[in-house]
Amino acid sequence: MQVVVGCGPTGSALAARLDSESDQVAVVDLDGASRHRLPAAFRGTFLEGDGVNRAVLEAAGIQHAEVLIAVSSSDSTNVVVARVARDVFRVPHVVGRIDDPDSVRFGTDLGLTMIASVRTLESGDVVSFMVAAGSLGRLRSFLGGRWPQ
């Protein structure tokens, strides 16, 4: 089970890819209208709600998650969600995005795996993290066959 918090361009693309690989995927976003970013054939779960809310995360299945990816539009939300996933729910593999590269230390000082930007995220770092974690061995690349170095 993978949980993606944030259904913007990055979150929806990750969720669609995970879903196409036959993984169980739950997507959480504050804006219910962001559901339209997911493909019509998306088989996962979409929940409208705040990813910081424990009940919302539980409804998404976080207690069974192997991976949580926090890619909402809020850096602070991503740090809080990543920390809650790791420390409260004991999700084995957690990664979050921080759009402001100067703020990456905010999350990493807490011992969290944070990616500094959308450009970095799209370069395949999340996929490498997930593959290294062993949870997505089937996933060859988020970028069409190119493995990040």
C-alpha atoms as a PDB file:
ATOM      1  CA  MET A   1       0.000   0.000   0.000  1.00  0.00           C
ATOM      2  CA  GLN A   2       1.269   3.449  -0.951  1.00  0.00           C
ATOM      3  CA  VAL A   3      -0.227   6.718   0.268  1.00  0.00           C
ATOM      4  CA  VAL A   4       0.289   9.930  -1.679  1.00  0.00           C
ATOM      5  CA  VAL A   5      -0.614  13.178   0.073  1.00  0.00           C
ATOM      6  CA  GLY A   6      -1.144  15.859  -2.541  1.00  0.00           C
ATOM      7  CA  CYS A   7      -2.881  15.475  -5.894  1.00  0.00           C
ATOM      8  CA  GLY A   8      -1.254  18.265  -7.848  1.00  0.00           C
ATOM      9  CA  PRO A   9       0.696  17.539 -11.013  1.00  0.00           C
ATOM     10  CA  THR A  10       3.430  15.593  -9.211  1.00  0.00           C
ATOM     11  CA  GLY A  11       1.200  13.668  -6.800  1.00  0.00           C
ATOM     12  CA  SER A  12      -1.300  12.719  -9.467  1.00  0.00           C
ATOM     13  CA  ALA A  13       1.466  11.556 -11.844  1.00  0.00           C
ATOM     14  CA  LEU A  14       3.050   9.446  -9.101  1.00  0.00           C
ATOM     15  CA  ALA A  15      -0.311   7.993  -8.081  1.00  0.00           C
ATOM     16  CA  ALA A  16      -1.204   7.153 -11.682  1.00  0.00           C
ATOM     17  CA  ARG A  17       2.135   5.443 -12.211  1.00  0.00           C
ATOM     18  CA  LEU A  18       1.880   3.459  -8.978  1.00  0.00           C
ATOM     19  CA  ASP A  19      -1.656   2.448  -9.889  1.00  0.00           C
ATOM     20  CA  SER A  20      -0.532   1.302 -13.345  1.00  0.00           C
ATOM     21  CA  GLU A  21       2.014  -0.951 -11.630  1.00  0.00           C
ATOM     22  CA  SER A  22      -0.876  -2.685  -9.799  1.00  0.00           C
ATOM     23  CA  ASP A  23       0.068  -1.303  -6.404  1.00  0.00           C
ATOM     24  CA  GLN A  24      -2.635  -0.302  -3.949  1.00  0.00           C
ATOM     25  CA  VAL A  25      -2.652   3.480  -3.908  1.00  0.00           C
ATOM     26  CA  ALA A  26      -4.531   6.012  -1.820  1.00  0.00           C
ATOM     27  CA  VAL A  27      -4.396   9.713  -2.646  1.00  0.00           C
ATOM     28  CA  VAL A  28      -5.310  12.454  -0.177  1.00  0.00           C
ATOM     29  CA  ASP A  29      -5.891  16.095  -1.096  1.00  0.00           C
ATOM     30  CA  LEU A  30      -7.656  19.035   0.537  1.00  0.00           C
ATOM     31  CA  ASP A  31      -9.285  19.938  -2.761  1.00  0.00           C
ATOM     32  CA  GLY A  32     -11.795  17.346  -3.943  1.00  0.00           C
ATOM     33  CA  ALA A  33     -11.664  18.854  -7.429  1.00  0.00           C
ATOM     34  CA  SER A  34      -8.041  17.704  -7.758  1.00  0.00           C
ATOM     35  CA  ARG A  35      -9.431  14.186  -8.313  1.00  0.00           C
ATOM     36  CA  HIS A  36      -9.819  15.172 -11.969  1.00  0.00           C
ATOM     37  CA  ARG A  37      -6.030  15.044 -12.329  1.00  0.00           C
ATOM     38  CA  LEU A  38      -6.097  11.267 -11.880  1.00  0.00           C
ATOM     39  CA  PRO A  39      -6.817   9.144 -14.956  1.00  0.00           C
ATOM     40  CA  ALA A  40     -10.348   7.890 -15.439  1.00  0.00           C
ATOM     41  CA  ALA A  41      -9.048   4.338 -15.075  1.00  0.00           C
ATOM     42  CA  PHE A  42      -7.447   5.053 -11.672  1.00  0.00           C
ATOM     43  CA  ARG A  43      -8.268   2.074  -9.433  1.00  0.00           C
ATOM     44  CA  GLY A  44      -6.931   3.517  -6.205  1.00  0.00           C
ATOM     45  CA  THR A  45      -8.708   5.479  -3.533  1.00  0.00           C
ATOM     46  CA  PHE A  46      -9.088   9.254  -3.504  1.00  0.00           C
ATOM     47  CA  LEU A  47      -9.914  11.014  -0.259  1.00  0.00           C
ATOM     48  CA  GLU A  48     -10.774  14.667   0.102  1.00  0.00           C
ATOM     49  CA  GLY A  49      -9.267  15.845   3.360  1.00  0.00           C
ATOM     50  CA  ASP A  50      -6.313  17.230   5.228  1.00  0.00           C
ATOM     51  CA  GLY A  51      -3.308  14.904   5.134  1.00  0.00           C
ATOM     52  CA  VAL A  52      -2.287  16.178   8.568  1.00  0.00           C
ATOM     53  CA  ASN A  53      -5.506  14.815  10.056  1.00  0.00           C
ATOM     54  CA  ARG A  54      -5.005  11.424  11.681  1.00  0.00           C
ATOM     55  CA  ALA A  55      -8.507  10.204  10.790  1.00  0.00           C
ATOM     56  CA  VAL A  56      -7.968  11.106   7.130  1.00  0.00           C
ATOM     57  CA  LEU A  57      -4.652   9.239   7.052  1.00  0.00           C
ATOM     58  CA  GLU A  58      -6.269   6.213   8.697  1.00  0.00           C
ATOM     59  CA  ALA A  59      -9.098   6.286   6.147  1.00  0.00           C
ATOM     60  CA  ALA A  60      -6.408   6.259   3.439  1.00  0.00           C
ATOM     61  CA  GLY A  61      -4.971   3.082   4.960  1.00  0.00           C
ATOM     62  CA  ILE A  62      -1.752   4.501   6.369  1.00  0.00           C
ATOM     63  CA  GLN A  63      -1.649   1.782   9.017  1.00  0.00           C
ATOM     64  CA  HIS A  64      -0.948  -0.692   6.173  1.00  0.00           C
ATOM     65  CA  ALA A  65       1.302   1.558   4.082  1.00  0.00           C
ATOM     66  CA  GLU A  66       4.795   0.561   3.040  1.00  0.00           C
ATOM     67  CA  VAL A  67       5.423   4.000   1.537  1.00  0.00           C
ATOM     68  CA  LEU A  68       4.086   7.501   2.135  1.00  0.00           C
ATOM     69  CA  ILE A  69       4.906  10.325  -0.261  1.00  0.00           C
ATOM     70  CA  ALA A  70       4.041  13.869   0.867  1.00  0.00           C
ATOM     71  CA  VAL A  71       3.879  16.176  -2.162  1.00  0.00           C
ATOM     72  CA  SER A  72       1.218  18.715  -1.218  1.00  0.00           C
ATOM     73  CA  SER A  73       1.636  22.384  -2.142  1.00  0.00           C
ATOM     74  CA  SER A  74       2.625  23.227   1.451  1.00  0.00           C
ATOM     75  CA  ASP A  75       6.170  22.593   2.649  1.00  0.00           C
ATOM     76  CA  SER A  76       5.101  22.615   6.286  1.00  0.00           C
ATOM     77  CA  THR A  77       2.276  20.164   5.604  1.00  0.00           C
ATOM     78  CA  ASN A  78       4.695  17.824   3.850  1.00  0.00           C
ATOM     79  CA  VAL A  79       7.093  17.876   6.807  1.00  0.00           C
ATOM     80  CA  VAL A  80       4.297  17.259   9.339  1.00  0.00           C
ATOM     81  CA  VAL A  81       2.733  14.468   7.260  1.00  0.00           C
ATOM     82  CA  ALA A  82       6.131  12.796   6.774  1.00  0.00           C
ATOM     83  CA  ARG A  83       6.908  12.987  10.480  1.00  0.00           C
ATOM     84  CA  VAL A  84       3.486  11.653  11.517  1.00  0.00           C
ATOM     85  CA  ALA A  85       3.777   8.795   9.006  1.00  0.00           C
ATOM     86  CA  ARG A  86       7.204   7.844  10.319  1.00  0.00           C
ATOM     87  CA  ASP A  87       6.781   8.461  14.052  1.00  0.00           C
ATOM     88  CA  VAL A  88       3.110   7.727  14.712  1.00  0.00           C
ATOM     89  CA  PHE A  89       2.205   5.147  12.079  1.00  0.00           C
ATOM     90  CA  ARG A  90       5.691   3.655  11.654  1.00  0.00           C
ATOM     91  CA  VAL A  91       5.489   3.701   7.849  1.00  0.00           C
ATOM     92  CA  PRO A  92       8.773   2.061   6.782  1.00  0.00           C
ATOM     93  CA  HIS A  93       9.533   4.374   3.841  1.00  0.00           C
ATOM     94  CA  VAL A  94       8.590   8.052   3.909  1.00  0.00           C
ATOM     95  CA  VAL A  95       9.626  10.857   1.586  1.00  0.00           C
ATOM     96  CA  GLY A  96       8.418  14.440   1.366  1.00  0.00           C
ATOM     97  CA  ARG A  97       8.871  17.366  -0.956  1.00  0.00           C
ATOM     98  CA  ILE A  98       9.963  20.847  -0.007  1.00  0.00           C
ATOM     99  CA  ASP A  99       9.644  23.404  -2.798  1.00  0.00           C
ATOM    100  CA  ASP A 100      11.978  25.921  -1.182  1.00  0.00           C
ATOM    101  CA  PRO A 101      15.477  24.393  -1.412  1.00  0.00           C
ATOM    102  CA  ASP A 102      16.633  26.610   1.448  1.00  0.00           C
ATOM    103  CA  SER A 103      14.057  24.925   3.700  1.00  0.00           C
ATOM    104  CA  VAL A 104      15.142  21.327   3.106  1.00  0.00           C
ATOM    105  CA  ARG A 105      17.121  21.415   6.321  1.00  0.00           C
ATOM    106  CA  PHE A 106      13.852  21.999   8.197  1.00  0.00           C
ATOM    107  CA  GLY A 107      12.796  18.428   7.392  1.00  0.00           C
ATOM    108  CA  THR A 108      16.183  16.789   7.318  1.00  0.00           C
ATOM    109  CA  ASP A 109      17.012  18.135  10.792  1.00  0.00           C
ATOM    110  CA  LEU A 110      14.128  15.941  11.949  1.00  0.00           C
ATOM    111  CA  GLY A 111      15.714  12.946  10.235  1.00  0.00           C
ATOM    112  CA  LEU A 112      13.205  12.941   7.360  1.00  0.00           C
ATOM    113  CA  THR A 113      13.961  12.176   3.729  1.00  0.00           C
ATOM    114  CA  MET A 114      13.039  15.372   1.930  1.00  0.00           C
ATOM    115  CA  ILE A 115      13.441  16.237  -1.743  1.00  0.00           C
ATOM    116  CA  ALA A 116      14.260  19.854  -2.460  1.00  0.00           C
ATOM    117  CA  SER A 117      12.149  20.697  -5.484  1.00  0.00           C
ATOM    118  CA  VAL A 118       9.667  19.577  -8.078  1.00  0.00           C
ATOM    119  CA  ARG A 119      12.518  19.477 -10.616  1.00  0.00           C
ATOM    120  CA  THR A 120      14.468  17.129  -8.350  1.00  0.00           C
ATOM    121  CA  LEU A 121      11.364  15.034  -7.755  1.00  0.00           C
ATOM    122  CA  GLU A 122      10.703  14.740 -11.461  1.00  0.00           C
ATOM    123  CA  SER A 123      14.303  13.693 -12.058  1.00  0.00           C
ATOM    124  CA  GLY A 124      13.450  10.355 -10.516  1.00  0.00           C
ATOM    125  CA  ASP A 125      14.726  10.681  -6.958  1.00  0.00           C
ATOM    126  CA  VAL A 126      11.452   9.469  -5.461  1.00  0.00           C
ATOM    127  CA  VAL A 127      11.469   6.417  -7.682  1.00  0.00           C
ATOM    128  CA  SER A 128      15.054   5.649  -6.673  1.00  0.00           C
ATOM    129  CA  PHE A 129      14.082   6.019  -3.017  1.00  0.00           C
ATOM    130  CA  MET A 130      11.121   3.672  -3.416  1.00  0.00           C
ATOM    131  CA  VAL A 131      13.103   1.084  -5.330  1.00  0.00           C
ATOM    132  CA  ALA A 132      15.946   1.248  -2.789  1.00  0.00           C
ATOM    133  CA  ALA A 133      13.337   0.745  -0.090  1.00  0.00           C
ATOM    134  CA  GLY A 134      12.347  -2.475  -1.836  1.00  0.00           C
ATOM    135  CA  SER A 135       8.680  -1.557  -1.956  1.00  0.00           C
ATOM    136  CA  LEU A 136       8.446  -0.946  -5.690  1.00  0.00           C
ATOM    137  CA  GLY A 137      10.828  -3.378  -7.279  1.00  0.00           C
ATOM    138  CA  ARG A 138       8.558  -3.664 -10.335  1.00  0.00           C
ATOM    139  CA  LEU A 139       8.721   0.049 -11.004  1.00  0.00           C
ATOM    140  CA  ARG A 140      11.389   0.592 -13.617  1.00  0.00           C
ATOM    141  CA  SER A 141      11.361   4.364 -13.802  1.00  0.00           C
ATOM    142  CA  PHE A 142       9.090   7.315 -13.347  1.00  0.00           C
ATOM    143  CA  LEU A 143      10.865   8.906 -16.302  1.00  0.00           C
ATOM    144  CA  GLY A 144      10.359   6.388 -19.074  1.00  0.00           C
ATOM    145  CA  GLY A 145      13.256   4.050 -18.625  1.00  0.00           C
ATOM    146  CA  ARG A 146      15.926   6.426 -17.300  1.00  0.00           C
ATOM    147  CA  TRP A 147      17.281   5.532 -13.871  1.00  0.00           C
ATOM    148  CA  PRO A 148      18.680   8.442 -11.878  1.00  0.00           C
ATOM    149  CA  GLN A 149      22.353   8.164 -10.948  1.00  0.00           C
END
